[in-house]
Amino acid sequence: MIKNPKWNYTELVLALELYMNYRPNPPGKDSREVSQLSSLLRLNALSDGLSINKIFRNNNGVAMKLQNFRRFDEKFKGHGLRAGGALEKIIWEKYQNQTKLKQTSKKIRDNIEIKIREKINVQ
């Protein structure tokens, strides 16, 4: 099995937004919110021309990424998952301002939507 690429900046911003909406108890893998983010991330990858497999940013992966943010969250009394990447900490520290996080997430979502629409119109 081929290993999935590391989460990139935009993916982590969107994941952090979801985490912060439910902080410190993010939705689980069977939630509608996780499923929606998974679908968005998968569509984004496909629109970028990536070849993805069935586990690329699937519900399990998205839910686990949300758990990675818990390790930075002083509102969470546990430990969170410790195996996340260094970029997660950068994103966590940069986007503690909720207004800034929501504005950035909206721009990312808008850009993904534009990109997907362009791909659909080209074909």
PDB file of N, CA and C in Angstrom:
ATOM      1  N   MET A   1       0.840  -1.185   0.000  1.00  0.00           N
ATOM      2  CA  MET A   1       0.000   0.000   0.000  1.00  0.00           C
ATOM      3  C   MET A   1       0.882   1.245   0.000  1.00  0.00           C
ATOM      4  N   ILE A   2       0.520   2.199  -0.824  1.00  0.00           N
ATOM      5  CA  ILE A   2       1.275   3.447  -0.912  1.00  0.00           C
ATOM      6  C   ILE A   2       0.838   4.361   0.231  1.00  0.00           C
ATOM      7  N   LYS A   3       1.821   4.985   0.856  1.00  0.00           N
ATOM      8  CA  LYS A   3       1.533   5.897   1.964  1.00  0.00           C
ATOM      9  C   LYS A   3       0.977   7.213   1.421  1.00  0.00           C
ATOM     10  N   ASN A   4      -0.040   7.728   2.096  1.00  0.00           N
ATOM     11  CA  ASN A   4      -0.615   9.008   1.696  1.00  0.00           C
ATOM     12  C   ASN A   4       0.356  10.148   1.995  1.00  0.00           C
ATOM     13  N   PRO A   5       0.283  11.219   1.212  1.00  0.00           N
ATOM     14  CA  PRO A   5       1.163  12.370   1.472  1.00  0.00           C
ATOM     15  C   PRO A   5       0.818  13.036   2.796  1.00  0.00           C
ATOM     16  N   LYS A   6       1.783  13.760   3.324  1.00  0.00           N
ATOM     17  CA  LYS A   6       1.538  14.523   4.547  1.00  0.00           C
ATOM     18  C   LYS A   6       0.445  15.540   4.293  1.00  0.00           C
ATOM     19  N   TRP A   7      -0.257  15.878   5.352  1.00  0.00           N
ATOM     20  CA  TRP A   7      -1.290  16.901   5.259  1.00  0.00           C
ATOM     21  C   TRP A   7      -0.623  18.231   4.941  1.00  0.00           C
ATOM     22  N   ASN A   8      -1.225  18.978   4.023  1.00  0.00           N
ATOM     23  CA  ASN A   8      -0.651  20.273   3.663  1.00  0.00           C
ATOM     24  C   ASN A   8      -1.312  21.397   4.463  1.00  0.00           C
ATOM     25  N   TYR A   9      -0.832  22.575   4.241  1.00  0.00           N
ATOM     26  CA  TYR A   9      -1.254  23.758   4.986  1.00  0.00           C
ATOM     27  C   TYR A   9      -2.766  23.978   4.909  1.00  0.00           C
ATOM     28  N   THR A  10      -3.313  23.986   3.705  1.00  0.00           N
ATOM     29  CA  THR A  10      -4.740  24.259   3.554  1.00  0.00           C
ATOM     30  C   THR A  10      -5.593  23.170   4.190  1.00  0.00           C
ATOM     31  N   GLU A  11      -5.181  21.925   4.050  1.00  0.00           N
ATOM     32  CA  GLU A  11      -5.925  20.827   4.671  1.00  0.00           C
ATOM     33  C   GLU A  11      -5.943  20.976   6.197  1.00  0.00           C
ATOM     34  N   LEU A  12      -4.811  21.358   6.748  1.00  0.00           N
ATOM     35  CA  LEU A  12      -4.730  21.514   8.207  1.00  0.00           C
ATOM     36  C   LEU A  12      -5.546  22.699   8.707  1.00  0.00           C
ATOM     37  N   VAL A  13      -5.584  23.763   7.945  1.00  0.00           N
ATOM     38  CA  VAL A  13      -6.409  24.914   8.342  1.00  0.00           C
ATOM     39  C   VAL A  13      -7.875  24.490   8.402  1.00  0.00           C
ATOM     40  N   LEU A  14      -8.341  23.767   7.388  1.00  0.00           N
ATOM     41  CA  LEU A  14      -9.729  23.313   7.379  1.00  0.00           C
ATOM     42  C   LEU A  14     -10.004  22.335   8.526  1.00  0.00           C
ATOM     43  N   ALA A  15      -9.048  21.465   8.809  1.00  0.00           N
ATOM     44  CA  ALA A  15      -9.210  20.535   9.931  1.00  0.00           C
ATOM     45  C   ALA A  15      -9.242  21.287  11.259  1.00  0.00           C
ATOM     46  N   LEU A  16      -8.390  22.283  11.401  1.00  0.00           N
ATOM     47  CA  LEU A  16      -8.387  23.067  12.643  1.00  0.00           C
ATOM     48  C   LEU A  16      -9.705  23.804  12.815  1.00  0.00           C
ATOM     49  N   GLU A  17     -10.239  24.332  11.740  1.00  0.00           N
ATOM     50  CA  GLU A  17     -11.529  25.009  11.839  1.00  0.00           C
ATOM     51  C   GLU A  17     -12.589  24.056  12.389  1.00  0.00           C
ATOM     52  N   LEU A  18     -12.625  22.839  11.866  1.00  0.00           N
ATOM     53  CA  LEU A  18     -13.582  21.858  12.365  1.00  0.00           C
ATOM     54  C   LEU A  18     -13.319  21.540  13.833  1.00  0.00           C
ATOM     55  N   TYR A  19     -12.057  21.355  14.173  1.00  0.00           N
ATOM     56  CA  TYR A  19     -11.718  21.082  15.570  1.00  0.00           C
ATOM     57  C   TYR A  19     -12.214  22.214  16.479  1.00  0.00           C
ATOM     58  N   MET A  20     -11.930  23.447  16.100  1.00  0.00           N
ATOM     59  CA  MET A  20     -12.289  24.591  16.937  1.00  0.00           C
ATOM     60  C   MET A  20     -13.802  24.769  17.064  1.00  0.00           C
ATOM     61  N   ASN A  21     -14.544  24.339  16.072  1.00  0.00           N
ATOM     62  CA  ASN A  21     -15.999  24.423  16.155  1.00  0.00           C
ATOM     63  C   ASN A  21     -16.561  23.527  17.257  1.00  0.00           C
ATOM     64  N   TYR A  22     -15.810  22.502  17.659  1.00  0.00           N
ATOM     65  CA  TYR A  22     -16.277  21.542  18.662  1.00  0.00           C
ATOM     66  C   TYR A  22     -15.299  21.383  19.824  1.00  0.00           C
ATOM     67  N   ARG A  23     -14.347  22.240  19.905  1.00  0.00           N
ATOM     68  CA  ARG A  23     -13.274  22.195  20.892  1.00  0.00           C
ATOM     69  C   ARG A  23     -13.812  21.980  22.299  1.00  0.00           C
ATOM     70  N   PRO A  24     -13.240  21.109  23.096  1.00  0.00           N
ATOM     71  CA  PRO A  24     -12.116  20.202  22.838  1.00  0.00           C
ATOM     72  C   PRO A  24     -12.552  18.795  22.437  1.00  0.00           C
ATOM     73  N   ASN A  25     -13.812  18.625  22.049  1.00  0.00           N
ATOM     74  CA  ASN A  25     -14.327  17.295  21.696  1.00  0.00           C
ATOM     75  C   ASN A  25     -14.794  17.262  20.248  1.00  0.00           C
ATOM     76  N   PRO A  26     -13.858  17.074  19.327  1.00  0.00           N
ATOM     77  CA  PRO A  26     -14.208  17.115  17.904  1.00  0.00           C
ATOM     78  C   PRO A  26     -15.119  15.947  17.526  1.00  0.00           C
ATOM     79  N   PRO A  27     -15.863  16.117  16.444  1.00  0.00           N
ATOM     80  CA  PRO A  27     -16.742  15.041  15.984  1.00  0.00           C
ATOM     81  C   PRO A  27     -15.941  13.814  15.563  1.00  0.00           C
ATOM     82  N   GLY A  28     -16.579  12.670  15.654  1.00  0.00           N
ATOM     83  CA  GLY A  28     -15.927  11.407  15.322  1.00  0.00           C
ATOM     84  C   GLY A  28     -16.060  11.029  13.861  1.00  0.00           C
ATOM     85  N   LYS A  29     -15.487   9.889  13.547  1.00  0.00           N
ATOM     86  CA  LYS A  29     -15.403   9.441  12.155  1.00  0.00           C
ATOM     87  C   LYS A  29     -16.760   9.202  11.503  1.00  0.00           C
ATOM     88  N   ASP A  30     -17.793   8.953  12.282  1.00  0.00           N
ATOM     89  CA  ASP A  30     -19.116   8.692  11.719  1.00  0.00           C
ATOM     90  C   ASP A  30     -19.983   9.940  11.634  1.00  0.00           C
ATOM     91  N   SER A  31     -19.421  11.089  11.967  1.00  0.00           N
ATOM     92  CA  SER A  31     -20.208  12.326  11.962  1.00  0.00           C
ATOM     93  C   SER A  31     -20.347  12.897  10.554  1.00  0.00           C
ATOM     94  N   ARG A  32     -21.398  13.659  10.375  1.00  0.00           N
ATOM     95  CA  ARG A  32     -21.638  14.342   9.099  1.00  0.00           C
ATOM     96  C   ARG A  32     -20.522  15.347   8.808  1.00  0.00           C
ATOM     97  N   GLU A  33     -20.061  16.050   9.845  1.00  0.00           N
ATOM     98  CA  GLU A  33     -19.036  17.079   9.673  1.00  0.00           C
ATOM     99  C   GLU A  33     -17.714  16.491   9.176  1.00  0.00           C
ATOM    100  N   VAL A  34     -17.316  15.371   9.756  1.00  0.00           N
ATOM    101  CA  VAL A  34     -16.076  14.721   9.327  1.00  0.00           C
ATOM    102  C   VAL A  34     -16.225  14.197   7.902  1.00  0.00           C
ATOM    103  N   SER A  35     -17.370  13.632   7.603  1.00  0.00           N
ATOM    104  CA  SER A  35     -17.620  13.127   6.250  1.00  0.00           C
ATOM    105  C   SER A  35     -17.573  14.255   5.220  1.00  0.00           C
ATOM    106  N   GLN A  36     -18.138  15.399   5.564  1.00  0.00           N
ATOM    107  CA  GLN A  36     -18.113  16.544   4.645  1.00  0.00           C
ATOM    108  C   GLN A  36     -16.697  17.049   4.411  1.00  0.00           C
ATOM    109  N   LEU A  37     -15.900  17.138   5.485  1.00  0.00           N
ATOM    110  CA  LEU A  37     -14.524  17.593   5.313  1.00  0.00           C
ATOM    111  C   LEU A  37     -13.730  16.582   4.494  1.00  0.00           C
ATOM    112  N   SER A  38     -13.935  15.308   4.762  1.00  0.00           N
ATOM    113  CA  SER A  38     -13.259  14.264   3.988  1.00  0.00           C
ATOM    114  C   SER A  38     -13.580  14.414   2.497  1.00  0.00           C
ATOM    115  N   SER A  39     -14.843  14.584   2.186  1.00  0.00           N
ATOM    116  CA  SER A  39     -15.250  14.736   0.778  1.00  0.00           C
ATOM    117  C   SER A  39     -14.608  15.958   0.138  1.00  0.00           C
ATOM    118  N   LEU A  40     -14.585  17.061   0.867  1.00  0.00           N
ATOM    119  CA  LEU A  40     -13.979  18.284   0.343  1.00  0.00           C
ATOM    120  C   LEU A  40     -12.485  18.086   0.070  1.00  0.00           C
ATOM    121  N   LEU A  41     -11.789  17.468   1.007  1.00  0.00           N
ATOM    122  CA  LEU A  41     -10.354  17.251   0.845  1.00  0.00           C
ATOM    123  C   LEU A  41     -10.065  16.293  -0.315  1.00  0.00           C
ATOM    124  N   ARG A  42     -10.896  15.287  -0.475  1.00  0.00           N
ATOM    125  CA  ARG A  42     -10.716  14.343  -1.571  1.00  0.00           C
ATOM    126  C   ARG A  42     -10.989  15.016  -2.922  1.00  0.00           C
ATOM    127  N   LEU A  43     -12.057  15.814  -2.996  1.00  0.00           N
ATOM    128  CA  LEU A  43     -12.347  16.546  -4.229  1.00  0.00           C
ATOM    129  C   LEU A  43     -11.233  17.527  -4.574  1.00  0.00           C
ATOM    130  N   ASN A  44     -10.704  18.179  -3.567  1.00  0.00           N
ATOM    131  CA  ASN A  44      -9.600  19.113  -3.788  1.00  0.00           C
ATOM    132  C   ASN A  44      -8.392  18.389  -4.378  1.00  0.00           C
ATOM    133  N   ALA A  45      -8.072  17.246  -3.817  1.00  0.00           N
ATOM    134  CA  ALA A  45      -6.926  16.481  -4.323  1.00  0.00           C
ATOM    135  C   ALA A  45      -7.159  16.049  -5.770  1.00  0.00           C
ATOM    136  N   LEU A  46      -8.349  15.566  -6.053  1.00  0.00           N
ATOM    137  CA  LEU A  46      -8.665  15.148  -7.420  1.00  0.00           C
ATOM    138  C   LEU A  46      -8.598  16.328  -8.385  1.00  0.00           C
ATOM    139  N   SER A  47      -9.082  17.488  -7.952  1.00  0.00           N
ATOM    140  CA  SER A  47      -9.046  18.666  -8.832  1.00  0.00           C
ATOM    141  C   SER A  47      -7.614  19.139  -9.065  1.00  0.00           C
ATOM    142  N   ASP A  48      -6.713  18.782  -8.150  1.00  0.00           N
ATOM    143  CA  ASP A  48      -5.293  19.095  -8.333  1.00  0.00           C
ATOM    144  C   ASP A  48      -4.586  18.057  -9.199  1.00  0.00           C
ATOM    145  N   GLY A  49      -5.325  17.034  -9.625  1.00  0.00           N
ATOM    146  CA  GLY A  49      -4.748  16.005 -10.479  1.00  0.00           C
ATOM    147  C   GLY A  49      -4.061  14.880  -9.724  1.00  0.00           C
ATOM    148  N   LEU A  50      -4.268  14.815  -8.409  1.00  0.00           N
ATOM    149  CA  LEU A  50      -3.664  13.741  -7.630  1.00  0.00           C
ATOM    150  C   LEU A  50      -4.438  12.452  -7.833  1.00  0.00           C
ATOM    151  N   SER A  51      -3.717  11.368  -7.828  1.00  0.00           N
ATOM    152  CA  SER A  51      -4.341  10.055  -7.848  1.00  0.00           C
ATOM    153  C   SER A  51      -4.483   9.629  -6.386  1.00  0.00           C
ATOM    154  N   ILE A  52      -5.708   9.415  -5.940  1.00  0.00           N
ATOM    155  CA  ILE A  52      -5.919   9.105  -4.529  1.00  0.00           C
ATOM    156  C   ILE A  52      -6.444   7.681  -4.386  1.00  0.00           C
ATOM    157  N   ASN A  53      -6.179   7.104  -3.205  1.00  0.00           N
ATOM    158  CA  ASN A  53      -6.695   5.782  -2.914  1.00  0.00           C
ATOM    159  C   ASN A  53      -7.884   5.895  -1.959  1.00  0.00           C
ATOM    160  N   LYS A  54      -8.457   4.764  -1.573  1.00  0.00           N
ATOM    161  CA  LYS A  54      -9.681   4.803  -0.759  1.00  0.00           C
ATOM    162  C   LYS A  54      -9.446   5.322   0.654  1.00  0.00           C
ATOM    163  N   ILE A  55      -8.202   5.361   1.106  1.00  0.00           N
ATOM    164  CA  ILE A  55      -7.952   5.857   2.462  1.00  0.00           C
ATOM    165  C   ILE A  55      -7.446   7.306   2.501  1.00  0.00           C
ATOM    166  N   PHE A  56      -7.227   7.896   1.335  1.00  0.00           N
ATOM    167  CA  PHE A  56      -6.755   9.285   1.293  1.00  0.00           C
ATOM    168  C   PHE A  56      -7.789  10.195   1.938  1.00  0.00           C
ATOM    169  N   ARG A  57      -7.421  10.842   3.023  1.00  0.00           N
ATOM    170  CA  ARG A  57      -8.266  11.807   3.742  1.00  0.00           C
ATOM    171  C   ARG A  57      -9.695  11.273   3.958  1.00  0.00           C
ATOM    172  N   ASN A  58      -9.776   9.950   4.240  1.00  0.00           N
ATOM    173  CA  ASN A  58     -11.088   9.377   4.508  1.00  0.00           C
ATOM    174  C   ASN A  58     -11.551   9.777   5.906  1.00  0.00           C
ATOM    175  N   ASN A  59     -12.750   9.349   6.277  1.00  0.00           N
ATOM    176  CA  ASN A  59     -13.318   9.734   7.571  1.00  0.00           C
ATOM    177  C   ASN A  59     -12.402   9.370   8.734  1.00  0.00           C
ATOM    178  N   ASN A  60     -11.810   8.191   8.700  1.00  0.00           N
ATOM    179  CA  ASN A  60     -10.896   7.792   9.776  1.00  0.00           C
ATOM    180  C   ASN A  60      -9.703   8.734   9.866  1.00  0.00           C
ATOM    181  N   GLY A  61      -9.125   9.057   8.728  1.00  0.00           N
ATOM    182  CA  GLY A  61      -7.956   9.925   8.706  1.00  0.00           C
ATOM    183  C   GLY A  61      -8.267  11.335   9.181  1.00  0.00           C
ATOM    184  N   VAL A  62      -9.421  11.854   8.768  1.00  0.00           N
ATOM    185  CA  VAL A  62      -9.823  13.198   9.189  1.00  0.00           C
ATOM    186  C   VAL A  62     -10.067  13.213  10.695  1.00  0.00           C
ATOM    187  N   ALA A  63     -10.781  12.214  11.201  1.00  0.00           N
ATOM    188  CA  ALA A  63     -11.066  12.145  12.646  1.00  0.00           C
ATOM    189  C   ALA A  63      -9.776  12.038  13.452  1.00  0.00           C
ATOM    190  N   MET A  64      -8.819  11.270  12.951  1.00  0.00           N
ATOM    191  CA  MET A  64      -7.542  11.148  13.666  1.00  0.00           C
ATOM    192  C   MET A  64      -6.772  12.465  13.638  1.00  0.00           C
ATOM    193  N   LYS A  65      -6.834  13.171  12.519  1.00  0.00           N
ATOM    194  CA  LYS A  65      -6.140  14.458  12.438  1.00  0.00           C
ATOM    195  C   LYS A  65      -6.715  15.430  13.462  1.00  0.00           C
ATOM    196  N   LEU A  66      -8.023  15.400  13.640  1.00  0.00           N
ATOM    197  CA  LEU A  66      -8.638  16.250  14.661  1.00  0.00           C
ATOM    198  C   LEU A  66      -8.104  15.905  16.047  1.00  0.00           C
ATOM    199  N   GLN A  67      -7.887  14.629  16.294  1.00  0.00           N
ATOM    200  CA  GLN A  67      -7.348  14.197  17.581  1.00  0.00           C
ATOM    201  C   GLN A  67      -5.907  14.687  17.779  1.00  0.00           C
ATOM    202  N   ASN A  68      -5.172  14.845  16.697  1.00  0.00           N
ATOM    203  CA  ASN A  68      -3.803  15.370  16.798  1.00  0.00           C
ATOM    204  C   ASN A  68      -3.782  16.773  17.382  1.00  0.00           C
ATOM    205  N   PHE A  69      -4.780  17.583  17.068  1.00  0.00           N
ATOM    206  CA  PHE A  69      -4.820  18.946  17.595  1.00  0.00           C
ATOM    207  C   PHE A  69      -5.015  18.981  19.109  1.00  0.00           C
ATOM    208  N   ARG A  70      -5.578  17.934  19.651  1.00  0.00           N
ATOM    209  CA  ARG A  70      -5.811  17.906  21.098  1.00  0.00           C
ATOM    210  C   ARG A  70      -4.519  18.034  21.905  1.00  0.00           C
ATOM    211  N   ARG A  71      -3.417  17.600  21.347  1.00  0.00           N
ATOM    212  CA  ARG A  71      -2.161  17.653  22.116  1.00  0.00           C
ATOM    213  C   ARG A  71      -1.710  19.074  22.406  1.00  0.00           C
ATOM    214  N   PHE A  72      -2.227  20.037  21.650  1.00  0.00           N
ATOM    215  CA  PHE A  72      -1.888  21.445  21.884  1.00  0.00           C
ATOM    216  C   PHE A  72      -2.938  22.177  22.715  1.00  0.00           C
ATOM    217  N   ASP A  73      -4.074  21.560  22.919  1.00  0.00           N
ATOM    218  CA  ASP A  73      -5.237  22.240  23.476  1.00  0.00           C
ATOM    219  C   ASP A  73      -5.259  22.174  25.003  1.00  0.00           C
ATOM    220  N   GLU A  74      -5.063  23.327  25.625  1.00  0.00           N
ATOM    221  CA  GLU A  74      -5.083  23.391  27.090  1.00  0.00           C
ATOM    222  C   GLU A  74      -6.482  23.142  27.648  1.00  0.00           C
ATOM    223  N   LYS A  75      -7.514  23.255  26.803  1.00  0.00           N
ATOM    224  CA  LYS A  75      -8.880  22.969  27.253  1.00  0.00           C
ATOM    225  C   LYS A  75      -9.170  21.472  27.311  1.00  0.00           C
ATOM    226  N   PHE A  76      -8.335  20.675  26.649  1.00  0.00           N
ATOM    227  CA  PHE A  76      -8.493  19.219  26.679  1.00  0.00           C
ATOM    228  C   PHE A  76      -7.645  18.678  27.816  1.00  0.00           C
ATOM    229  N   LYS A  77      -8.258  17.907  28.674  1.00  0.00           N
ATOM    230  CA  LYS A  77      -7.565  17.424  29.878  1.00  0.00           C
ATOM    231  C   LYS A  77      -6.754  16.148  29.654  1.00  0.00           C
ATOM    232  N   GLY A  78      -6.836  15.568  28.471  1.00  0.00           N
ATOM    233  CA  GLY A  78      -6.057  14.373  28.168  1.00  0.00           C
ATOM    234  C   GLY A  78      -4.753  14.729  27.467  1.00  0.00           C
ATOM    235  N   HIS A  79      -4.285  13.812  26.628  1.00  0.00           N
ATOM    236  CA  HIS A  79      -3.012  14.015  25.942  1.00  0.00           C
ATOM    237  C   HIS A  79      -3.152  14.233  24.437  1.00  0.00           C
ATOM    238  N   GLY A  80      -4.215  13.747  23.825  1.00  0.00           N
ATOM    239  CA  GLY A  80      -4.328  13.828  22.370  1.00  0.00           C
ATOM    240  C   GLY A  80      -3.385  12.855  21.697  1.00  0.00           C
ATOM    241  N   LEU A  81      -3.452  12.770  20.381  1.00  0.00           N
ATOM    242  CA  LEU A  81      -2.542  11.902  19.631  1.00  0.00           C
ATOM    243  C   LEU A  81      -1.245  12.660  19.394  1.00  0.00           C
ATOM    244  N   ARG A  82      -0.154  12.013  19.684  1.00  0.00           N
ATOM    245  CA  ARG A  82       1.143  12.692  19.639  1.00  0.00           C
ATOM    246  C   ARG A  82       1.885  12.535  18.318  1.00  0.00           C
ATOM    247  N   ALA A  83       1.391  11.726  17.415  1.00  0.00           N
ATOM    248  CA  ALA A  83       2.160  11.400  16.215  1.00  0.00           C
ATOM    249  C   ALA A  83       1.972  12.383  15.059  1.00  0.00           C
ATOM    250  N   GLY A  84       1.387  13.511  15.292  1.00  0.00           N
ATOM    251  CA  GLY A  84       1.157  14.471  14.213  1.00  0.00           C
ATOM    252  C   GLY A  84       2.439  15.137  13.741  1.00  0.00           C
ATOM    253  N   GLY A  85       2.305  15.912  12.676  1.00  0.00           N
ATOM    254  CA  GLY A  85       3.449  16.587  12.095  1.00  0.00           C
ATOM    255  C   GLY A  85       3.709  17.963  12.700  1.00  0.00           C
ATOM    256  N   ALA A  86       4.873  18.514  12.396  1.00  0.00           N
ATOM    257  CA  ALA A  86       5.292  19.812  12.934  1.00  0.00           C
ATOM    258  C   ALA A  86       4.431  20.958  12.408  1.00  0.00           C
ATOM    259  N   LEU A  87       3.897  20.817  11.199  1.00  0.00           N
ATOM    260  CA  LEU A  87       3.076  21.875  10.632  1.00  0.00           C
ATOM    261  C   LEU A  87       1.800  22.085  11.448  1.00  0.00           C
ATOM    262  N   GLU A  88       1.321  21.044  12.106  1.00  0.00           N
ATOM    263  CA  GLU A  88       0.123  21.176  12.947  1.00  0.00           C
ATOM    264  C   GLU A  88       0.325  22.216  14.038  1.00  0.00           C
ATOM    265  N   LYS A  89       1.483  22.213  14.655  1.00  0.00           N
ATOM    266  CA  LYS A  89       1.756  23.176  15.725  1.00  0.00           C
ATOM    267  C   LYS A  89       1.797  24.597  15.173  1.00  0.00           C
ATOM    268  N   ILE A  90       2.384  24.761  14.013  1.00  0.00           N
ATOM    269  CA  ILE A  90       2.450  26.079  13.379  1.00  0.00           C
ATOM    270  C   ILE A  90       1.041  26.595  13.096  1.00  0.00           C
ATOM    271  N   ILE A  91       0.213  25.736  12.527  1.00  0.00           N
ATOM    272  CA  ILE A  91      -1.173  26.104  12.221  1.00  0.00           C
ATOM    273  C   ILE A  91      -1.926  26.418  13.513  1.00  0.00           C
ATOM    274  N   TRP A  92      -1.748  25.576  14.526  1.00  0.00           N
ATOM    275  CA  TRP A  92      -2.408  25.786  15.819  1.00  0.00           C
ATOM    276  C   TRP A  92      -2.061  27.164  16.387  1.00  0.00           C
ATOM    277  N   GLU A  93      -0.789  27.487  16.391  1.00  0.00           N
ATOM    278  CA  GLU A  93      -0.353  28.757  16.976  1.00  0.00           C
ATOM    279  C   GLU A  93      -0.796  29.961  16.133  1.00  0.00           C
ATOM    280  N   LYS A  94      -0.799  29.805  14.837  1.00  0.00           N
ATOM    281  CA  LYS A  94      -1.134  30.920  13.952  1.00  0.00           C
ATOM    282  C   LYS A  94      -2.624  31.267  13.987  1.00  0.00           C
ATOM    283  N   TYR A  95      -3.462  30.264  14.187  1.00  0.00           N
ATOM    284  CA  TYR A  95      -4.899  30.475  14.043  1.00  0.00           C
ATOM    285  C   TYR A  95      -5.676  30.323  15.350  1.00  0.00           C
ATOM    286  N   GLN A  96      -5.161  30.846  16.419  1.00  0.00           N
ATOM    287  CA  GLN A  96      -5.931  30.870  17.654  1.00  0.00           C
ATOM    288  C   GLN A  96      -6.987  31.971  17.636  1.00  0.00           C
ATOM    289  N   ASN A  97      -6.820  32.945  16.772  1.00  0.00           N
ATOM    290  CA  ASN A  97      -7.831  33.981  16.580  1.00  0.00           C
ATOM    291  C   ASN A  97      -8.923  33.382  15.685  1.00  0.00           C
ATOM    292  N   GLN A  98     -10.116  33.194  16.246  1.00  0.00           N
ATOM    293  CA  GLN A  98     -11.204  32.535  15.534  1.00  0.00           C
ATOM    294  C   GLN A  98     -11.641  33.282  14.281  1.00  0.00           C
ATOM    295  N   THR A  99     -11.624  34.596  14.333  1.00  0.00           N
ATOM    296  CA  THR A  99     -12.008  35.381  13.159  1.00  0.00           C
ATOM    297  C   THR A  99     -11.023  35.140  12.018  1.00  0.00           C
ATOM    298  N   LYS A 100      -9.755  35.167  12.328  1.00  0.00           N
ATOM    299  CA  LYS A 100      -8.717  34.920  11.324  1.00  0.00           C
ATOM    300  C   LYS A 100      -8.847  33.504  10.752  1.00  0.00           C
ATOM    301  N   LEU A 101      -9.094  32.532  11.617  1.00  0.00           N
ATOM    302  CA  LEU A 101      -9.249  31.143  11.183  1.00  0.00           C
ATOM    303  C   LEU A 101     -10.450  31.005  10.242  1.00  0.00           C
ATOM    304  N   LYS A 102     -11.562  31.580  10.609  1.00  0.00           N
ATOM    305  CA  LYS A 102     -12.773  31.474   9.782  1.00  0.00           C
ATOM    306  C   LYS A 102     -12.593  32.193   8.443  1.00  0.00           C
ATOM    307  N   GLN A 103     -11.935  33.340   8.446  1.00  0.00           N
ATOM    308  CA  GLN A 103     -11.689  34.072   7.195  1.00  0.00           C
ATOM    309  C   GLN A 103     -10.779  33.266   6.273  1.00  0.00           C
ATOM    310  N   THR A 104      -9.726  32.702   6.837  1.00  0.00           N
ATOM    311  CA  THR A 104      -8.788  31.915   6.033  1.00  0.00           C
ATOM    312  C   THR A 104      -9.468  30.659   5.499  1.00  0.00           C
ATOM    313  N   SER A 105     -10.238  29.993   6.345  1.00  0.00           N
ATOM    314  CA  SER A 105     -10.954  28.782   5.914  1.00  0.00           C
ATOM    315  C   SER A 105     -11.930  29.095   4.786  1.00  0.00           C
ATOM    316  N   LYS A 106     -12.620  30.213   4.893  1.00  0.00           N
ATOM    317  CA  LYS A 106     -13.569  30.595   3.844  1.00  0.00           C
ATOM    318  C   LYS A 106     -12.846  30.822   2.525  1.00  0.00           C
ATOM    319  N   LYS A 107     -11.703  31.500   2.573  1.00  0.00           N
ATOM    320  CA  LYS A 107     -10.924  31.720   1.347  1.00  0.00           C
ATOM    321  C   LYS A 107     -10.494  30.394   0.733  1.00  0.00           C
ATOM    322  N   ILE A 108     -10.050  29.471   1.576  1.00  0.00           N
ATOM    323  CA  ILE A 108      -9.616  28.156   1.085  1.00  0.00           C
ATOM    324  C   ILE A 108     -10.789  27.430   0.438  1.00  0.00           C
ATOM    325  N   ARG A 109     -11.927  27.402   1.112  1.00  0.00           N
ATOM    326  CA  ARG A 109     -13.114  26.728   0.571  1.00  0.00           C
ATOM    327  C   ARG A 109     -13.558  27.371  -0.748  1.00  0.00           C
ATOM    328  N   ASP A 110     -13.552  28.694  -0.796  1.00  0.00           N
ATOM    329  CA  ASP A 110     -13.924  29.395  -2.026  1.00  0.00           C
ATOM    330  C   ASP A 110     -12.981  29.031  -3.167  1.00  0.00           C
ATOM    331  N   ASN A 111     -11.690  28.980  -2.889  1.00  0.00           N
ATOM    332  CA  ASN A 111     -10.703  28.628  -3.916  1.00  0.00           C
ATOM    333  C   ASN A 111     -10.884  27.195  -4.399  1.00  0.00           C
ATOM    334  N   ILE A 112     -11.189  26.286  -3.484  1.00  0.00           N
ATOM    335  CA  ILE A 112     -11.432  24.895  -3.873  1.00  0.00           C
ATOM    336  C   ILE A 112     -12.662  24.823  -4.770  1.00  0.00           C
ATOM    337  N   GLU A 113     -13.709  25.525  -4.385  1.00  0.00           N
ATOM    338  CA  GLU A 113     -14.942  25.517  -5.176  1.00  0.00           C
ATOM    339  C   GLU A 113     -14.696  26.060  -6.582  1.00  0.00           C
ATOM    340  N   ILE A 114     -13.969  27.152  -6.678  1.00  0.00           N
ATOM    341  CA  ILE A 114     -13.643  27.731  -7.987  1.00  0.00           C
ATOM    342  C   ILE A 114     -12.854  26.734  -8.830  1.00  0.00           C
ATOM    343  N   LYS A 115     -11.877  26.118  -8.218  1.00  0.00           N
ATOM    344  CA  LYS A 115     -11.027  25.158  -8.927  1.00  0.00           C
ATOM    345  C   LYS A 115     -11.839  23.967  -9.432  1.00  0.00           C
ATOM    346  N   ILE A 116     -12.740  23.462  -8.603  1.00  0.00           N
ATOM    347  CA  ILE A 116     -13.574  22.328  -9.003  1.00  0.00           C
ATOM    348  C   ILE A 116     -14.519  22.732 -10.135  1.00  0.00           C
ATOM    349  N   ARG A 117     -15.122  23.896 -10.020  1.00  0.00           N
ATOM    350  CA  ARG A 117     -16.013  24.372 -11.088  1.00  0.00           C
ATOM    351  C   ARG A 117     -15.271  24.522 -12.407  1.00  0.00           C
ATOM    352  N   GLU A 118     -14.044  25.039 -12.344  1.00  0.00           N
ATOM    353  CA  GLU A 118     -13.255  25.195 -13.570  1.00  0.00           C
ATOM    354  C   GLU A 118     -12.965  23.844 -14.201  1.00  0.00           C
ATOM    355  N   LYS A 119     -12.646  22.852 -13.373  1.00  0.00           N
ATOM    356  CA  LYS A 119     -12.365  21.503 -13.888  1.00  0.00           C
ATOM    357  C   LYS A 119     -13.607  20.907 -14.549  1.00  0.00           C
ATOM    358  N   ILE A 120     -14.764  21.122 -13.923  1.00  0.00           N
ATOM    359  CA  ILE A 120     -16.011  20.598 -14.476  1.00  0.00           C
ATOM    360  C   ILE A 120     -16.317  21.269 -15.802  1.00  0.00           C
ATOM    361  N   ASN A 121     -16.130  22.578 -15.882  1.00  0.00           N
ATOM    362  CA  ASN A 121     -16.431  23.326 -17.099  1.00  0.00           C
ATOM    363  C   ASN A 121     -15.472  23.001 -18.232  1.00  0.00           C
ATOM    364  N   VAL A 122     -14.241  22.621 -17.905  1.00  0.00           N
ATOM    365  CA  VAL A 122     -13.253  22.279 -18.936  1.00  0.00           C
ATOM    366  C   VAL A 122     -13.612  20.953 -19.580  1.00  0.00           C
ATOM    367  N   GLN A 123     -14.148  20.048 -18.796  1.00  0.00           N
ATOM    368  CA  GLN A 123     -14.461  18.710 -19.317  1.00  0.00           C
ATOM    369  C   GLN A 123     -15.761  18.707 -19.962  1.00  0.00           C
TER     370      GLN A 123
END
